[in-house]
Each structure stands twice: as structure tokens, then as C-alpha cells.
Protein backbone atom coordinates (compact mmCIF):
# COMPACT_ATOMS: atom_id res chain seq x y z
CA MET A 1 123.05 78.72 124.58
CA GLN A 2 125.35 79.87 121.77
CA PRO A 3 127.54 77.38 119.89
CA SER A 4 131.30 77.61 120.28
CA LEU A 5 133.66 78.42 117.42
CA LYS A 6 135.36 75.10 118.18
CA GLN A 7 132.21 73.29 117.14
CA CYS A 8 132.81 74.19 113.52
CA SER A 9 136.27 72.59 113.16
CA ALA A 10 134.70 69.62 111.38
CA PHE A 11 133.59 71.97 108.62
CA VAL A 12 137.12 73.16 107.97
CA LEU A 13 138.53 69.68 107.69
CA ALA A 14 136.17 68.88 104.87
CA ALA A 15 136.93 70.69 101.78
CA LEU A 16 139.62 72.58 99.99
CA ALA A 17 141.28 69.48 98.67
CA MET A 18 138.03 68.64 96.95
CA LEU A 19 138.80 68.28 93.24
CA GLY A 20 141.70 70.72 93.69
CA ALA A 21 139.29 73.64 94.02
CA GLN A 22 140.78 76.99 94.93
CA ALA A 23 139.06 79.58 97.06
CA ASP A 24 138.03 82.69 95.18
CA THR A 25 136.56 84.65 98.10
CA VAL A 26 136.72 84.50 101.88
CA ILE A 27 134.14 86.19 104.08
CA VAL A 28 136.00 87.28 107.23
CA ASN A 29 135.15 88.89 110.57
CA ALA A 30 131.74 87.26 110.54
CA ASN A 31 129.43 86.48 113.43
CA GLY A 32 128.12 83.51 111.53
CA TYR A 33 125.48 80.91 112.37
CA THR A 34 124.42 77.86 110.43
CA LEU A 35 122.84 74.51 111.03
CA ASN A 36 124.80 71.42 110.13
CA ALA A 37 123.54 68.19 108.61
CA LYS A 38 122.52 66.95 112.08
CA GLY A 39 120.52 70.09 112.72
CA ASP A 40 122.97 71.42 115.32
CA LEU A 41 123.52 75.18 115.48
CA VAL A 42 127.13 76.01 114.64
CA GLN A 43 128.92 79.36 114.86
CA PHE A 44 131.69 80.43 112.48
CA ALA A 45 133.91 83.43 111.80
CA ALA A 46 134.90 82.86 108.17
CA LEU A 47 133.53 81.31 105.00
CA ALA A 48 135.42 80.44 101.79
CA PHE A 49 133.96 79.65 98.38
CA ASP A 50 135.27 79.13 94.87
CA GLU A 51 134.58 81.11 91.71
CA GLN A 52 131.61 78.87 90.91
CA GLY A 53 130.00 79.87 94.19
CA LYS A 54 130.44 76.55 95.98
CA ILE A 55 131.48 76.56 99.64
CA LEU A 56 134.93 75.15 100.33
CA ALA A 57 135.45 75.82 104.02
CA VAL A 58 133.62 77.22 107.04
CA GLY A 59 135.19 77.81 110.42
CA THR A 60 137.54 79.99 112.43
CA ALA A 61 139.29 82.88 110.73
CA ALA A 62 142.74 81.35 111.11
CA ASP A 63 141.74 77.93 109.78
CA VAL A 64 139.83 79.25 106.77
CA ARG A 65 142.51 81.80 105.84
CA ALA A 66 145.14 79.08 106.00
CA LYS A 67 143.11 76.98 103.59
CA ALA A 68 142.52 79.88 101.19
CA PRO A 69 145.79 81.69 100.48
CA GLY A 70 145.51 84.53 98.01
CA ALA A 71 141.72 84.63 97.99
CA ARG A 72 139.85 87.92 97.93
CA GLN A 73 138.76 88.85 101.43
CA VAL A 74 135.44 90.50 102.22
CA ASP A 75 135.27 91.92 105.75
CA VAL A 76 131.69 91.98 107.09
CA GLN A 77 132.84 93.90 110.18
CA GLY A 78 131.44 91.57 112.81
CA LYS A 79 127.94 91.49 111.34
CA THR A 80 125.80 88.38 111.60
CA VAL A 81 125.87 85.97 108.65
CA LEU A 82 123.12 83.39 108.13
CA PRO A 83 122.31 80.85 105.42
CA GLY A 84 120.12 82.33 102.70
CA LEU A 85 116.47 82.06 103.69
CA ILE A 86 114.03 80.03 101.61
CA ASP A 87 110.30 80.76 101.39
CA ALA A 88 108.63 77.40 100.84
CA HIS A 89 105.38 78.89 99.55
CA GLY A 90 105.15 82.15 97.64
CA HIS A 91 103.66 83.56 94.46
CA VAL A 92 106.47 85.37 92.69
CA PHE A 93 104.53 86.92 89.83
CA GLY A 94 101.70 87.78 92.19
CA LEU A 95 104.18 89.70 94.33
CA GLY A 96 105.51 91.51 91.29
CA GLN A 97 102.01 92.34 90.09
CA MET A 98 101.08 93.71 93.50
CA LEU A 99 104.07 96.03 93.27
CA THR A 100 102.62 97.43 90.04
CA GLN A 101 98.97 97.62 91.19
CA LEU A 102 97.06 99.14 94.08
CA ASP A 103 97.94 97.62 97.45
CA LEU A 104 95.02 97.80 99.90
CA SER A 105 96.71 95.77 102.65
CA GLN A 106 97.24 98.82 104.85
CA ALA A 107 93.67 100.07 104.62
CA THR A 108 92.10 100.03 108.09
CA SER A 109 88.58 100.98 107.03
CA LEU A 110 86.27 100.76 104.05
CA GLU A 111 86.39 104.54 103.77
CA GLY A 112 90.18 104.49 103.66
CA ALA A 113 90.17 101.77 101.01
CA LEU A 114 87.72 103.71 98.85
CA ALA A 115 89.82 106.87 99.17
CA SER A 116 92.90 104.94 97.99
CA ILE A 117 90.94 103.50 95.07
CA ALA A 118 89.71 106.94 94.04
CA ALA A 119 93.25 108.34 94.15
CA TYR A 120 94.58 105.38 92.16
CA ALA A 121 91.86 105.85 89.52
CA ARG A 122 92.77 109.52 89.14
CA ALA A 123 96.47 108.68 88.83
CA ASN A 124 95.90 105.96 86.20
CA PRO A 125 93.32 107.31 83.74
CA THR A 126 94.55 105.20 80.81
CA GLN A 127 94.15 101.80 82.50
CA THR A 128 91.21 99.90 81.02
CA TRP A 129 90.79 97.87 84.22
CA LEU A 130 91.72 98.99 87.73
CA ARG A 131 93.29 96.14 89.66
CA GLY A 132 94.78 95.56 93.08
CA ARG A 133 94.69 93.35 96.11
CA GLY A 134 95.12 93.13 99.85
CA TRP A 135 91.74 94.14 101.32
CA ASN A 136 90.57 92.44 104.49
CA GLN A 137 87.07 93.18 105.71
CA GLU A 138 87.96 91.77 109.13
CA ASN A 139 90.27 94.74 109.68
CA TRP A 140 87.52 97.14 108.69
CA LYS A 141 85.12 96.00 111.44
CA LEU A 142 82.24 96.11 108.96
CA GLY A 143 80.55 92.90 110.02
CA ARG A 144 80.10 92.20 106.30
CA PHE A 145 81.95 91.98 103.02
CA PRO A 146 82.32 95.09 100.83
CA THR A 147 79.99 95.39 97.82
CA ALA A 148 79.80 96.69 94.29
CA ALA A 149 77.49 99.36 95.67
CA ASP A 150 80.40 100.60 97.78
CA LEU A 151 82.67 100.77 94.71
CA ASP A 152 80.33 102.17 92.08
CA PRO A 153 80.22 105.77 93.38
CA VAL A 154 84.05 105.81 93.34
CA VAL A 155 84.66 104.19 89.92
CA SER A 156 81.78 103.63 87.54
CA ASP A 157 83.33 104.24 84.10
CA LYS A 158 85.57 101.16 83.94
CA PRO A 159 85.75 97.68 85.48
CA VAL A 160 87.37 97.36 88.91
CA TRP A 161 88.71 94.14 90.45
CA PHE A 162 90.46 93.84 93.82
CA GLU A 163 91.56 90.50 95.26
CA ARG A 164 91.14 89.84 98.97
CA VAL A 165 94.35 89.53 101.00
CA ASP A 166 94.22 85.70 100.77
CA SER A 167 93.40 85.68 97.02
CA HIS A 168 90.36 83.52 97.76
CA ALA A 169 87.80 86.24 97.12
CA GLY A 170 87.54 89.23 94.83
CA TRP A 171 85.62 92.51 94.96
CA ALA A 172 84.15 93.88 91.73
CA ASN A 173 82.20 96.96 90.75
CA SER A 174 79.08 96.72 88.60
CA ARG A 175 81.06 97.31 85.38
CA ALA A 176 83.25 94.31 86.12
CA LEU A 177 80.25 92.12 86.95
CA ALA A 178 78.61 93.16 83.66
CA ALA A 179 81.82 92.46 81.71
CA ALA A 180 81.87 88.95 83.19
CA GLY A 181 78.18 88.42 82.41
CA ILE A 182 77.31 87.95 86.07
CA THR A 183 73.69 88.62 86.94
CA ASP A 184 71.56 87.87 89.96
CA THR A 185 70.55 84.56 88.36
CA THR A 186 74.05 83.37 87.42
CA PRO A 187 74.55 80.01 89.17
CA ASP A 188 77.46 79.42 91.51
CA PRO A 189 80.25 77.54 89.69
CA ALA A 190 81.64 74.33 91.15
CA GLY A 191 84.06 75.20 93.93
CA GLY A 192 82.95 78.83 94.06
CA LYS A 193 80.33 81.18 95.41
CA ILE A 194 78.73 84.38 94.14
CA MET A 195 77.88 86.27 97.30
CA ARG A 196 74.30 87.52 97.37
CA ASP A 197 72.24 89.69 99.68
CA ALA A 198 69.01 88.70 101.41
CA ASN A 199 67.08 89.40 98.18
CA GLY A 200 69.35 87.18 96.09
CA LYS A 201 71.13 90.08 94.40
CA ALA A 202 74.81 89.52 93.53
CA THR A 203 76.76 91.83 95.86
CA GLY A 204 80.03 92.09 93.95
CA VAL A 205 82.15 89.64 95.98
CA LEU A 206 83.13 86.36 94.35
CA VAL A 207 84.64 83.53 96.39
CA ASP A 208 87.20 80.99 95.16
CA ALA A 209 86.33 79.48 91.75
CA ALA A 210 83.69 82.15 91.12
CA GLN A 211 86.54 84.61 90.67
CA ASP A 212 87.36 82.91 87.38
CA LEU A 213 84.21 84.42 85.87
CA VAL A 214 85.88 87.84 86.10
CA VAL A 215 89.50 86.83 85.65
CA LYS A 216 88.84 85.17 82.29
CA VAL A 217 87.52 88.41 80.77
CA MET A 218 90.35 90.63 81.99
CA PRO A 219 93.16 91.51 79.56
CA ALA A 220 95.88 88.83 79.64
CA GLN A 221 99.27 89.77 81.02
CA THR A 222 101.76 90.47 78.25
CA GLU A 223 105.29 89.06 78.27
CA ALA A 224 106.63 92.57 78.88
CA GLU A 225 104.36 92.95 81.89
CA GLY A 226 105.50 89.53 83.11
CA ARG A 227 109.14 90.59 82.92
CA VAL A 228 108.41 93.73 84.92
CA ALA A 229 106.55 91.69 87.54
CA LEU A 230 109.36 89.13 87.80
CA GLU A 231 112.07 91.74 88.12
CA ARG A 232 110.20 93.69 90.77
CA ALA A 233 109.52 90.53 92.74
CA LEU A 234 113.15 89.39 92.57
CA GLY A 235 114.26 92.80 93.81
CA ALA A 236 111.83 92.68 96.73
CA MET A 237 112.90 89.15 97.65
CA ALA A 238 116.61 89.94 97.62
CA LYS A 239 116.02 92.97 99.83
CA VAL A 240 114.56 90.82 102.61
CA GLY A 241 117.12 88.02 102.40
CA LEU A 242 115.30 85.40 100.34
CA THR A 243 117.75 83.42 98.25
CA GLY A 244 115.07 80.99 97.14
CA THR A 245 111.35 80.42 97.00
CA HIS A 246 108.94 77.68 96.04
CA ASP A 247 106.56 79.29 93.53
CA ALA A 248 103.11 77.86 94.17
CA GLY A 249 101.54 78.04 90.73
CA VAL A 250 103.70 78.15 87.59
CA GLY A 251 102.15 78.16 84.13
CA VAL A 252 103.62 77.99 80.64
CA ALA A 253 104.28 81.74 80.46
CA GLU A 254 106.00 81.86 83.86
CA ASP A 255 108.08 78.78 83.08
CA ARG A 256 109.29 80.39 79.84
CA LEU A 257 110.45 83.51 81.70
CA TYR A 258 112.09 81.54 84.50
CA ARG A 259 114.14 79.47 82.04
CA ALA A 260 115.14 82.55 80.06
CA TYR A 261 116.20 84.46 83.17
CA ALA A 262 118.05 81.46 84.58
CA ASP A 263 119.92 80.91 81.29
CA ALA A 264 120.86 84.60 81.15
CA GLY A 265 122.09 84.65 84.75
CA LYS A 266 119.33 87.11 85.68
CA LEU A 267 117.58 85.08 88.38
CA THR A 268 118.67 86.44 91.77
CA ALA A 269 116.80 83.78 93.75
CA ARG A 270 116.50 80.04 93.23
CA ILE A 271 113.01 79.09 92.07
CA TYR A 272 111.45 75.73 92.87
CA GLY A 273 108.40 75.66 90.67
CA MET A 274 105.04 74.01 91.22
CA ILE A 275 102.96 73.64 88.07
CA GLY A 276 99.54 75.16 88.67
CA GLY A 277 97.05 72.31 88.32
CA THR A 278 96.96 69.21 86.11
CA ASP A 279 95.14 70.63 83.10
CA ALA A 280 96.52 72.12 79.87
CA ASP A 281 99.60 73.82 81.37
CA PHE A 282 100.57 70.60 83.12
CA ASP A 283 100.20 68.60 79.91
CA ALA A 284 102.45 71.08 78.09
CA LEU A 285 105.07 71.40 80.84
CA ALA A 286 105.15 67.74 81.86
CA LYS A 287 105.78 66.25 78.42
CA ASP A 288 109.46 65.67 79.30
CA GLY A 289 108.82 64.88 82.98
CA PRO A 290 109.99 66.76 86.08
CA LEU A 291 112.79 69.30 85.63
CA LYS A 292 114.95 68.50 88.65
CA THR A 293 117.54 71.20 88.10
CA HIS A 294 118.42 73.85 85.56
CA ALA A 295 121.16 76.47 85.19
CA ARG A 296 123.30 75.62 88.24
CA ASP A 297 120.32 74.84 90.46
CA MET A 298 118.68 78.20 89.82
CA TYR A 299 115.43 76.68 88.61
CA ALA A 300 113.51 73.45 89.05
CA LEU A 301 110.01 72.40 88.01
CA ARG A 302 109.28 69.11 89.72
CA ALA A 303 106.12 69.76 91.73
CA VAL A 304 102.41 70.38 91.11
CA LYS A 305 100.15 72.71 93.09
CA LEU A 306 96.51 71.75 93.57
CA TYR A 307 93.67 73.16 95.67
CA SER A 308 91.40 71.29 98.02
CA ASP A 309 89.47 74.22 99.49
CA GLY A 310 89.41 77.97 100.02
CA ALA A 311 90.46 80.24 102.88
CA LEU A 312 89.28 80.83 106.41
CA GLY A 313 88.80 84.59 106.13
CA SER A 314 86.29 84.28 103.30
CA ARG A 315 84.76 81.15 104.88
CA GLY A 316 85.79 79.12 101.86
CA ALA A 317 87.95 76.70 103.87
CA ALA A 318 86.15 73.35 104.06
CA LEU A 319 85.22 72.33 107.60
CA ILE A 320 83.93 68.97 108.83
CA LYS A 321 81.36 70.72 111.05
CA PRO A 322 79.80 74.11 110.28
CA TYR A 323 81.51 77.42 110.89
CA SER A 324 81.07 78.57 114.46
CA ASP A 325 80.16 82.07 113.26
CA GLU A 326 78.04 80.94 110.28
CA PRO A 327 76.27 77.71 111.29
CA HIS A 328 74.67 77.08 107.87
CA SER A 329 78.05 76.92 106.07
CA HIS A 330 80.76 74.26 105.89
CA GLY A 331 82.88 76.14 103.35
CA LEU A 332 83.83 74.66 99.99
CA LEU A 333 85.64 71.58 98.80
CA PHE A 334 86.78 72.42 95.28
CA PHE A 335 86.38 68.88 93.95
CA LYS A 336 84.59 65.72 94.91
CA GLN A 337 86.80 62.91 96.18
CA ALA A 338 87.02 60.99 92.90
CA GLU A 339 87.96 64.08 90.85
CA MET A 340 90.56 65.23 93.39
CA ASN A 341 91.95 61.71 93.53
CA ALA A 342 92.32 61.63 89.74
CA ARG A 343 94.17 64.95 89.66
CA MET A 344 96.61 63.94 92.37
CA LYS A 345 97.19 60.51 90.87
CA LYS A 346 97.86 62.01 87.43
CA ALA A 347 100.70 64.15 88.82
CA MET A 348 102.10 61.38 91.03
CA ALA A 349 102.16 58.92 88.16
CA ARG A 350 104.26 61.34 86.10
CA GLY A 351 106.83 61.58 88.91
CA TYR A 352 105.87 64.96 90.37
CA GLN A 353 105.77 65.99 93.98
CA VAL A 354 102.15 66.89 94.77
CA ASN A 355 101.56 69.94 96.97
CA VAL A 356 97.92 70.53 97.84
CA HIS A 357 96.44 73.66 99.38
CA ALA A 358 94.28 72.57 102.31
CA ILE A 359 93.19 74.97 105.03
CA GLY A 360 90.07 73.55 106.68
CA ASP A 361 89.95 70.27 108.59
CA ALA A 362 87.71 68.73 105.90
CA GLY A 363 90.13 69.85 103.18
CA ASN A 364 93.09 68.35 105.04
CA LYS A 365 91.20 65.13 105.70
CA GLN A 366 90.25 64.78 102.04
CA ILE A 367 93.87 65.08 100.91
CA LEU A 368 95.27 62.81 103.62
CA ASP A 369 92.71 60.16 102.65
CA ILE A 370 93.86 60.35 99.03
CA TYR A 371 97.54 60.20 99.97
CA LYS A 372 96.81 57.10 102.06
CA LYS A 373 95.12 55.48 99.08
CA GLU A 374 97.57 56.51 96.36
CA LEU A 375 101.06 56.50 97.92
CA GLY A 376 101.40 52.74 97.67
CA ALA A 377 99.63 52.48 94.33
CA THR A 378 101.84 55.08 92.65
CA LYS A 379 105.01 54.16 94.57
CA SER A 380 105.62 57.88 94.95
CA ALA A 381 106.41 58.32 98.66
CA ALA A 382 109.97 59.42 97.75
CA GLN A 383 108.51 62.45 95.98
CA ARG A 384 108.00 64.09 99.41
CA HIS A 385 104.40 65.11 98.90
CA ARG A 386 103.14 68.11 100.85
CA ILE A 387 100.05 69.81 102.18
CA GLU A 388 100.26 73.55 101.78
CA HIS A 389 99.03 75.53 104.81
CA ALA A 390 97.76 72.60 106.94
CA GLN A 391 96.02 75.36 108.82
CA VAL A 392 93.06 73.83 110.68
CA VAL A 393 93.64 70.11 111.16
CA ALA A 394 91.65 67.67 113.28
CA PRO A 395 94.03 66.50 116.05
CA ALA A 396 93.74 62.87 114.92
CA ASP A 397 94.77 63.91 111.40
CA ILE A 398 97.93 65.70 112.57
CA ALA A 399 99.43 62.29 113.37
CA ARG A 400 98.62 61.09 109.84
CA PHE A 401 101.06 63.61 108.35
CA LYS A 402 103.92 61.80 110.08
CA ALA A 403 102.55 58.33 109.45
CA LEU A 404 102.15 59.01 105.71
CA GLY A 405 105.36 61.03 105.35
CA ILE A 406 103.52 64.18 104.25
CA ILE A 407 105.36 67.48 104.74
CA PRO A 408 103.32 70.26 106.38
CA SER A 409 104.19 73.45 104.47
CA MET A 410 103.08 76.22 106.83
CA GLN A 411 103.19 80.00 107.03
CA PRO A 412 103.81 81.42 110.53
CA THR A 413 102.49 84.90 109.80
CA HIS A 414 99.11 83.43 108.87
CA ALA A 415 98.58 82.74 112.57
CA THR A 416 99.30 86.28 113.68
CA SER A 417 97.27 87.74 110.81
CA ASP A 418 94.32 85.41 111.38
CA LYS A 419 94.15 85.58 115.17
CA ASN A 420 91.56 88.36 114.98
CA MET A 421 89.02 86.02 113.40
CA ALA A 422 90.24 82.40 113.42
CA GLU A 423 88.71 81.32 116.73
CA ARG A 424 85.41 82.95 115.81
CA ARG A 425 85.41 80.88 112.63
CA VAL A 426 86.21 77.49 114.18
CA GLY A 427 85.46 77.75 117.92
CA ALA A 428 87.44 76.93 121.05
CA GLU A 429 87.82 73.21 120.40
CA ARG A 430 88.91 73.16 116.74
CA ILE A 431 91.39 75.98 117.33
CA LYS A 432 93.52 73.46 119.25
CA GLY A 433 94.47 71.88 115.92
CA ALA A 434 94.97 75.18 114.13
CA TYR A 435 98.36 76.74 113.30
CA ALA A 436 99.69 73.88 115.43
CA TRP A 437 103.43 74.04 114.72
CA ARG A 438 104.50 72.52 118.04
CA SER A 439 102.16 69.57 117.59
CA PHE A 440 103.74 68.82 114.21
CA LEU A 441 107.29 69.29 115.47
CA HIS A 442 106.67 67.17 118.57
CA GLN A 443 105.78 64.16 116.42
CA GLY A 444 108.87 64.62 114.25
CA SER A 445 107.36 66.31 111.20
CA ARG A 446 109.66 68.60 109.23
CA ILE A 447 107.84 71.89 108.67
CA ALA A 448 108.68 73.87 105.54
CA CYS A 449 108.03 77.52 106.36
CA GLY A 450 106.96 80.25 104.00
CA SER A 451 104.80 83.33 103.83
CA ASP A 452 102.34 82.82 100.95
CA PHE A 453 103.44 86.21 99.66
CA PRO A 454 101.87 88.49 98.51
CA VAL A 455 99.10 87.33 100.87
CA GLU A 456 101.64 88.16 103.58
CA SER A 457 104.87 90.13 103.41
CA PRO A 458 107.75 88.22 101.79
CA ASN A 459 109.99 89.26 104.72
CA PRO A 460 111.09 85.97 106.35
CA PHE A 461 112.00 87.74 109.58
CA PHE A 462 108.32 88.49 110.03
CA GLY A 463 107.76 84.74 109.78
CA ILE A 464 110.57 83.85 112.19
CA HIS A 465 109.23 86.43 114.66
CA ALA A 466 105.70 85.02 114.42
CA ALA A 467 106.94 81.45 114.78
CA VAL A 468 108.91 82.20 117.95
CA THR A 469 106.64 84.73 119.69
CA ARG A 470 103.14 84.00 118.30
CA GLN A 471 102.77 87.79 118.34
CA ASP A 472 102.07 90.37 115.66
CA ALA A 473 104.43 93.28 114.97
CA ALA A 474 102.73 95.33 117.67
CA GLY A 475 103.65 92.68 120.25
CA GLN A 476 100.09 91.41 120.68
CA PRO A 477 98.97 89.42 122.49
CA ILE A 478 101.50 90.00 125.25
CA ALA A 479 101.89 86.31 126.11
CA GLY A 480 101.54 85.16 122.51
CA TRP A 481 98.49 83.67 120.78
CA TYR A 482 98.29 80.04 121.93
CA PRO A 483 101.99 80.21 122.86
CA ASN A 484 102.12 76.46 123.55
CA GLN A 485 102.38 76.04 119.76
CA ALA A 486 105.43 78.33 119.36
CA MET A 487 108.77 77.25 117.86
CA SER A 488 112.21 77.78 119.32
CA LEU A 489 114.45 80.18 117.42
CA LYS A 490 116.57 77.31 116.11
CA GLU A 491 113.46 75.50 114.88
CA ALA A 492 112.21 78.64 113.17
CA LEU A 493 115.55 79.16 111.43
CA ARG A 494 115.55 75.52 110.37
CA CYS A 495 112.08 75.67 108.84
CA PHE A 496 113.17 78.63 106.66
CA THR A 497 116.46 76.95 105.68
CA LEU A 498 117.20 73.22 105.88
CA ASP A 499 113.63 71.99 106.04
CA ALA A 500 112.44 74.33 103.31
CA ALA A 501 115.34 73.00 101.22
CA TYR A 502 114.33 69.42 102.09
CA ALA A 503 110.77 70.12 100.96
CA GLY A 504 112.25 71.11 97.59
CA HIS A 505 114.58 68.07 97.32
CA ALA A 506 117.58 70.39 97.76
CA GLU A 507 118.94 69.73 101.24
CA ASN A 508 122.22 68.45 99.80
CA SER A 509 122.96 71.74 98.04
CA LEU A 510 121.01 74.41 99.95
CA GLY A 511 119.76 75.32 103.41
CA SER A 512 123.00 75.50 105.37
CA LEU A 513 126.54 76.78 104.97
CA GLU A 514 128.58 73.61 104.60
CA PRO A 515 131.36 72.54 102.22
CA GLY A 516 130.00 71.46 98.85
CA LYS A 517 126.84 73.54 99.09
CA TRP A 518 126.10 76.77 97.29
CA ALA A 519 127.32 79.97 98.94
CA ASP A 520 123.84 81.41 99.42
CA PHE A 521 123.94 83.61 102.52
CA ILE A 522 122.84 86.91 104.00
CA VAL A 523 124.42 89.55 106.24
CA ILE A 524 122.04 91.15 108.74
CA ASP A 525 122.22 94.11 111.09
CA ARG A 526 121.83 92.29 114.43
CA ASP A 527 122.58 89.02 116.18
CA LEU A 528 119.46 86.92 115.91
CA PHE A 529 120.53 84.68 118.81
CA THR A 530 121.28 87.37 121.38
CA MET A 531 118.64 89.99 120.59
CA PRO A 532 115.20 90.11 122.27
CA THR A 533 112.88 87.83 120.34
CA TYR A 534 110.15 90.49 120.25
CA ASP A 535 112.37 92.58 117.96
CA ILE A 536 113.16 89.86 115.39
CA HIS A 537 110.76 91.39 112.87
CA LYS A 538 112.88 94.58 112.89
CA THR A 539 115.90 92.74 111.45
CA ALA A 540 117.31 94.44 108.35
CA VAL A 541 119.25 92.69 105.60
CA LEU A 542 122.53 94.38 104.69
CA GLN A 543 123.67 91.99 101.94
CA THR A 544 122.23 89.02 100.05
CA TRP A 545 124.55 86.59 98.22
CA VAL A 546 123.55 83.82 95.81
CA ALA A 547 126.17 81.38 94.52
CA GLY A 548 128.92 83.60 95.88
CA LYS A 549 127.69 86.75 94.12
CA THR A 550 126.13 89.79 95.73
CA VAL A 551 122.54 90.28 94.54
CA TYR A 552 121.57 92.95 97.06
CA THR A 553 123.34 95.46 99.29
CA SER A 554 121.69 98.11 101.43
CA GLN A 555 124.57 100.55 100.94
């Protein structure tokens, strides 16, 4: 049922008298939708904001025009207007780097991947290392991981390193293994695994922390390369309607660029930063405490990102019982309980929101146990701590999220990407607690939705489509994959707007189009609430606005 224009009259009554502000711009002839503070869906035809980019009035065309005499009018010609969408878990520089490296995400076979690698090597003869990401052996139907022996005939004269689609495993050729000093006798590092064949020979695939053995010997990214990556990522985000993202892993170099771009007015999306880990970068960045807001709310650094375990696809996610398709393996917890507890407590004690990657049911249990122990001790419940992914959770532990006040930060497209292997990994019983959005919503949890880009596409309409249909872009499966866990369209919109904003302590300034909030909004090519849900992923963004300024237009 669509909301009536009359429902938005309360918006109009709110604002233009506020501090004597005058409207600078009015968006007219809009088919607009927003949620209000109560979470109700409200329709509007016009939107007014001042020269600072703050919303002054939302409502009918007549009411808003009457409140905004002399303002510039922008006619969106009946197109649908939505609040700017927020990705609650992305990797901005990783997205930018992927746009400058080889993308293997579309490879449907090992042979196709190797052909792309060969072509990339020929096109980039001066690169000292060949890098890329996106491969997924599950899509190749190999029944195994790729190996250095597969890569060596294609590129043997320089090191090659390709990250798996989930970033929790990497594929190296023999030159890269030699550069990292990895031999058949190199021990597995804590929290990582060097994959080996039946004879104990290192195969060329490194899982989780073992990747660091290669990464630490690769040339460091220069500041110039970082700027290119950031600019390409911002462009890609604006094109798909993202007006903000929570960057899950910010270091000193990234923080420096974010502040510089924010100060120069060059950020085209609001960045909510999570410091990567609690080691040296945290010590440097946390010396003055959390940065709650900077440059008109364009940047914040008030969270910390930690890892409990790996990923399901590479069998690095930590499970309580063994993998159904590999009975001798439970996956990997990155740290023992005491060490993980110390890392989380360190960040909590300094006033940071703690956001922990946990995919397997053992990883989620470990982190919930620590939250239960430390929330009272650190008096940090108001920091809105999160678990990132919350992907496979024991049913009894789902309830603990609500009881402890922990936000599940989840990525809908993970379900539709993982459906080809997830049940094989965990079996028919554990899958009931996997990608369980409805179970979380039913108990009153607020889900913050994201994509984990560049693991998945940054396009939030792919995520909304997956959340509502539980189908992939090809419409499979017909009835949806475990459709009992689907969201309604309003819930899906909310998790990419108001609840993503809430997870970043920004619900009073972002996430909906209401007086006093920033004029962050998008114009799209179709009516999300009248179109067939199976076509949501086809939605195209026509315009993206941040703080009342256009940062992208398709024309």
C-alpha cells in the first residue's frame, strides 16, 4: 500500500522558520519516498533545502513552494526520489584498487580466468607484480582450489597475486611464493593456512592470515596510487546512488586522504571509518579519541574493525561442529579468547564502537561471549557495537544479539552469491540460522545493510533486490532461497538508510529526508514501490545529491 501525500503534512509544518533559514533550492515534480522517524513510509512531491544543504521542508508541491519563495526550482519530471543509500560495510580503497587491477569476478572457468590473466600480463609489461581479485573456484566447478601450477605456465617471469572474491584467500604463482619465502616446510601462521597437496607441497593458495606472508613483500601503495583508488571508488559509489559508506578498515594513510579530501570538499560520499585493528595504526589514530564528525559530517572515525574468523567459501569461517563437506575442519578462529577479549576491550575502553567480522557460528559465539563479559565492565553499550556479517549463527545466539544490544551488520547479496555452496558447507540444520534476516527482524534487531564491496558489487539495488526476493540477478531460485527469511521492501529500504545511519550514530542527520537533516538523496529511473520486485536490481540512478549538491548525473 502506497502512502498518501497527505501523510507528509507534518514534515512541512516543521521547518522554514528554523533559525530564519531560507530555501536555496526546491526539488519539484518528484515521486518521492522516505521513511520518517517512526519508520513509516511517507510520499512527497517536493523537497526544499538551504544553501548549506540542510533540508527545510518536505511535502506537497503547493506547501513547499509556499514556504520557499524565490528558491531555485529543479524539476525531476516525475521521477522517483529516495533518501541517499548508505552501505554499512564496504572497503572503499579496495574498490578503487579493483578498478585499477584485474577483475576476475566474471570468470566462469579456470581456463577463462587464465586467459584473462595472460591478456592482462601482455597489456601491462612494466608492472613488477600482477595483481587482481574476484576469483571464485565454486563458480569454476573444479572441485578444488586453483594452484601455482595453474598460474606458472601463464606468468612465470614476475610475481602474481590474486585475492579470492571474499578477500579471505589469495592465489599466488611460484615467483610470488618464492618472494615471500614460502616453502613446503613453512609453518602455518596463527589464524592462517598454507594450502598443501596430499604430499605436503604448498599449492599456491593462502587462507586468511597466511596471505600476510605475501602482502608484506609486495610494493606499498603510494599516496598517488591511493588518490587514484579513492577517486575511482567515489565515482563508482556515486553512480549507484551511495551517499555514504562505512569503510571497514581504515589505516593511517587512508585517514590522511579522507581528511584531506573532506577539507577540500572533494569527498562525494560520507565516510564512517572503522580503524583496522588495535595495533600500531589504532595507537596513532586513537591518540585524540574518536573523531565523531569532521567537515560538515563528511567524515567520522569512531569505530574499530576486528576479525574473529575467515570466510565460508574458503572454509576459513569458524564453525562449532566440523564442515559438512570437509569433516576434519572447523575453520579458523583468528585469536584465542583471551587475546580477542583484550583487543575488543582496548577499543571499547577508548570510547570506540567495536565492529567484529564473524561469519561462522563459532566466530559469532566467541564475539557474543566477549560482548556479554565486557559491555558492563567498559560501560560501552551506548557505543552501539556490531557484528559484521553475522552470517551463520546458532539459533540460540541470534536472540543474544537483541539481548546484548548488538547490531547485526549484514550483506544481502552474500546470501544470493553463497547459495551455490553455503548449505554444502554447513548442512541442512545449521543453514536455518544462516543469512537469517527475518529471524533478526522478528526479534526487533535493527539490521544495517551493506555489500562488503568489492567482494560484492557496490550497487545497493542489488542488495535491496536480494533482501526482498532471495534471488540472484537471473531470478534463481524461482521461489527464492529460503524465502521465509526475506525482508519486505520497506524493511530493505530501511536497512540501507535509517538503520545503516543508526549503526553509524548518524540517524539524526542522515537516513531519511526530514527537516534538519542533510539533503542527501537520489533520483532513479523507476518507482521502487510499484515495479515488480524481481526487476529491482535493474534500477538505474539518474542523479545523486550530497548536502544539496549534485555529485553524479547520468546525462
